[in-house]
């Protein structure tokens, strides 16, 4: 296959996975991501950005280590779902802190922690699917 066409197909498919992940992230949070970002909620932007960067990192690993587009989509999709599950676990593992509520209220410290948490676990997930 033409290298440019192949790159374009990978770009389109991974972009779709990122968009689906953002949609799912919006569903699992108690706030509406885009409404909060439009209002200037930096904490929500950080948490969402962490998920986007995390998913992109996982997809990068999936692209680099799989020989077919289908395998890349499968492993990228699995890794993306795992990252979203880790986000939910982050909420459960911090019983003294309601992560989603604090992010929704604009607590930037929690937004930064959420970003770093997503990035850190994406590195682990990406390495695991490699």
Protein backbone atom coordinates (compact mmCIF):
# COMPACT_ATOMS: atom_id res chain seq x y z
CA UNK A 1 0.00 0.00 0.00
CA UNK A 2 1.15 3.53 -0.70
CA UNK A 3 2.95 4.90 2.37
CA UNK A 4 0.99 8.18 2.26
CA UNK A 5 -2.35 6.44 1.94
CA UNK A 6 -1.40 4.08 4.76
CA UNK A 7 -0.41 7.00 7.01
CA UNK A 8 -3.68 8.76 6.21
CA UNK A 9 -5.74 5.68 7.06
CA UNK A 10 -3.91 5.21 10.37
CA UNK A 11 -4.40 8.91 11.16
CA UNK A 12 -8.13 8.74 10.42
CA UNK A 13 -8.73 5.54 12.37
CA UNK A 14 -6.79 6.67 15.43
CA UNK A 15 -8.55 10.05 15.31
CA UNK A 16 -11.87 8.22 15.43
CA UNK A 17 -10.69 6.23 18.47
CA UNK A 18 -9.68 9.46 20.23
CA UNK A 19 -13.06 11.05 19.46
CA UNK A 20 -14.90 7.97 20.75
CA UNK A 21 -12.77 8.02 23.92
CA UNK A 22 -13.60 11.71 24.50
CA UNK A 23 -17.30 10.91 24.00
CA UNK A 24 -17.07 8.05 26.52
CA UNK A 25 -15.14 10.24 28.95
CA UNK A 26 -17.92 12.83 28.72
CA UNK A 27 -20.43 10.08 29.57
CA UNK A 28 -18.57 8.79 32.64
CA UNK A 29 -18.06 12.19 34.24
CA UNK A 30 -20.74 13.95 36.26
CA UNK A 31 -20.19 17.17 34.34
CA UNK A 32 -20.52 18.00 30.65
CA UNK A 33 -16.95 18.28 29.39
CA UNK A 34 -17.52 20.74 26.56
CA UNK A 35 -19.91 22.96 28.53
CA UNK A 36 -17.37 23.24 31.35
CA UNK A 37 -14.49 23.93 28.98
CA UNK A 38 -16.60 26.61 27.24
CA UNK A 39 -17.12 28.21 30.68
CA UNK A 40 -13.35 28.29 31.19
CA UNK A 41 -13.05 25.40 33.66
CA UNK A 42 -9.31 24.79 33.51
CA UNK A 43 -9.56 21.69 35.69
CA UNK A 44 -11.93 19.98 33.24
CA UNK A 45 -9.66 20.99 30.35
CA UNK A 46 -6.68 19.44 32.15
CA UNK A 47 -8.51 16.21 32.95
CA UNK A 48 -9.81 15.91 29.39
CA UNK A 49 -6.42 16.83 27.96
CA UNK A 50 -4.83 14.11 30.07
CA UNK A 51 -7.21 11.56 28.61
CA UNK A 52 -6.51 12.79 25.06
CA UNK A 53 -2.72 12.69 25.57
CA UNK A 54 -3.02 9.30 27.27
CA UNK A 55 -5.10 7.79 24.47
CA UNK A 56 -2.73 9.26 21.87
CA UNK A 57 0.23 7.67 23.66
CA UNK A 58 -1.51 4.30 23.78
CA UNK A 59 -2.37 4.55 20.08
CA UNK A 60 1.24 5.47 19.27
CA UNK A 61 2.38 2.28 20.98
CA UNK A 62 -0.30 0.28 19.16
CA UNK A 63 0.79 1.69 15.79
CA UNK A 64 4.48 1.07 16.42
CA UNK A 65 4.12 -2.51 17.60
CA UNK A 66 1.38 -4.01 15.44
CA UNK A 67 1.71 -5.13 11.87
CA UNK A 68 -1.83 -4.47 10.71
CA UNK A 69 -4.40 -1.72 10.99
CA UNK A 70 -6.89 -4.16 12.52
CA UNK A 71 -4.44 -5.14 15.29
CA UNK A 72 -3.70 -1.46 15.90
CA UNK A 73 -7.41 -0.68 16.22
CA UNK A 74 -8.03 -3.65 18.51
CA UNK A 75 -5.10 -2.95 20.84
CA UNK A 76 -5.61 0.80 20.69
CA UNK A 77 -9.28 0.32 21.55
CA UNK A 78 -8.52 -2.07 24.40
CA UNK A 79 -5.87 0.27 25.77
CA UNK A 80 -8.24 3.23 25.54
CA UNK A 81 -10.97 1.39 27.44
CA UNK A 82 -8.44 0.36 30.09
CA UNK A 83 -7.35 3.99 30.51
CA UNK A 84 -10.96 5.07 31.00
CA UNK A 85 -11.41 2.27 33.55
CA UNK A 86 -8.27 3.47 35.33
CA UNK A 87 -9.84 6.94 35.46
CA UNK A 88 -12.88 5.44 37.18
CA UNK A 89 -10.58 3.51 39.55
CA UNK A 90 -8.80 6.78 40.36
CA UNK A 91 -12.13 8.02 41.73
CA UNK A 92 -12.59 4.86 43.82
CA UNK A 93 -9.02 4.88 45.14
CA UNK A 94 -9.32 8.39 46.51
CA UNK A 95 -12.21 8.04 48.99
CA UNK A 96 -11.35 11.30 50.77
CA UNK A 97 -11.49 13.18 47.50
CA UNK A 98 -14.40 13.15 45.07
CA UNK A 99 -12.28 13.58 41.94
CA UNK A 100 -15.10 14.16 39.45
CA UNK A 101 -16.86 16.63 41.74
CA UNK A 102 -13.65 18.56 42.45
CA UNK A 103 -12.78 18.74 38.76
CA UNK A 104 -16.31 19.90 37.99
CA UNK A 105 -15.94 22.63 40.63
CA UNK A 106 -12.74 23.82 38.95
CA UNK A 107 -10.16 22.49 41.42
CA UNK A 108 -7.04 22.93 39.27
CA UNK A 109 -4.86 20.84 41.60
CA UNK A 110 -7.14 17.84 41.05
CA UNK A 111 -7.22 18.57 37.30
CA UNK A 112 -3.42 18.49 37.17
CA UNK A 113 -3.32 15.28 39.20
CA UNK A 114 -5.87 13.74 36.84
CA UNK A 115 -3.79 14.78 33.81
CA UNK A 116 -0.63 13.26 35.29
CA UNK A 117 -2.50 10.12 36.36
CA UNK A 118 -3.82 9.60 32.81
CA UNK A 119 -0.40 10.22 31.29
CA UNK A 120 1.40 7.92 33.74
CA UNK A 121 -1.01 5.05 33.24
CA UNK A 122 -0.97 5.51 29.47
CA UNK A 123 2.78 4.90 29.58
CA UNK A 124 2.19 1.67 31.48
CA UNK A 125 -0.72 0.58 29.28
CA UNK A 126 1.16 1.46 26.10
CA UNK A 127 4.17 -0.56 27.23
CA UNK A 128 1.90 -3.46 28.15
CA UNK A 129 0.34 -3.67 24.70
CA UNK A 130 3.70 -3.40 22.95
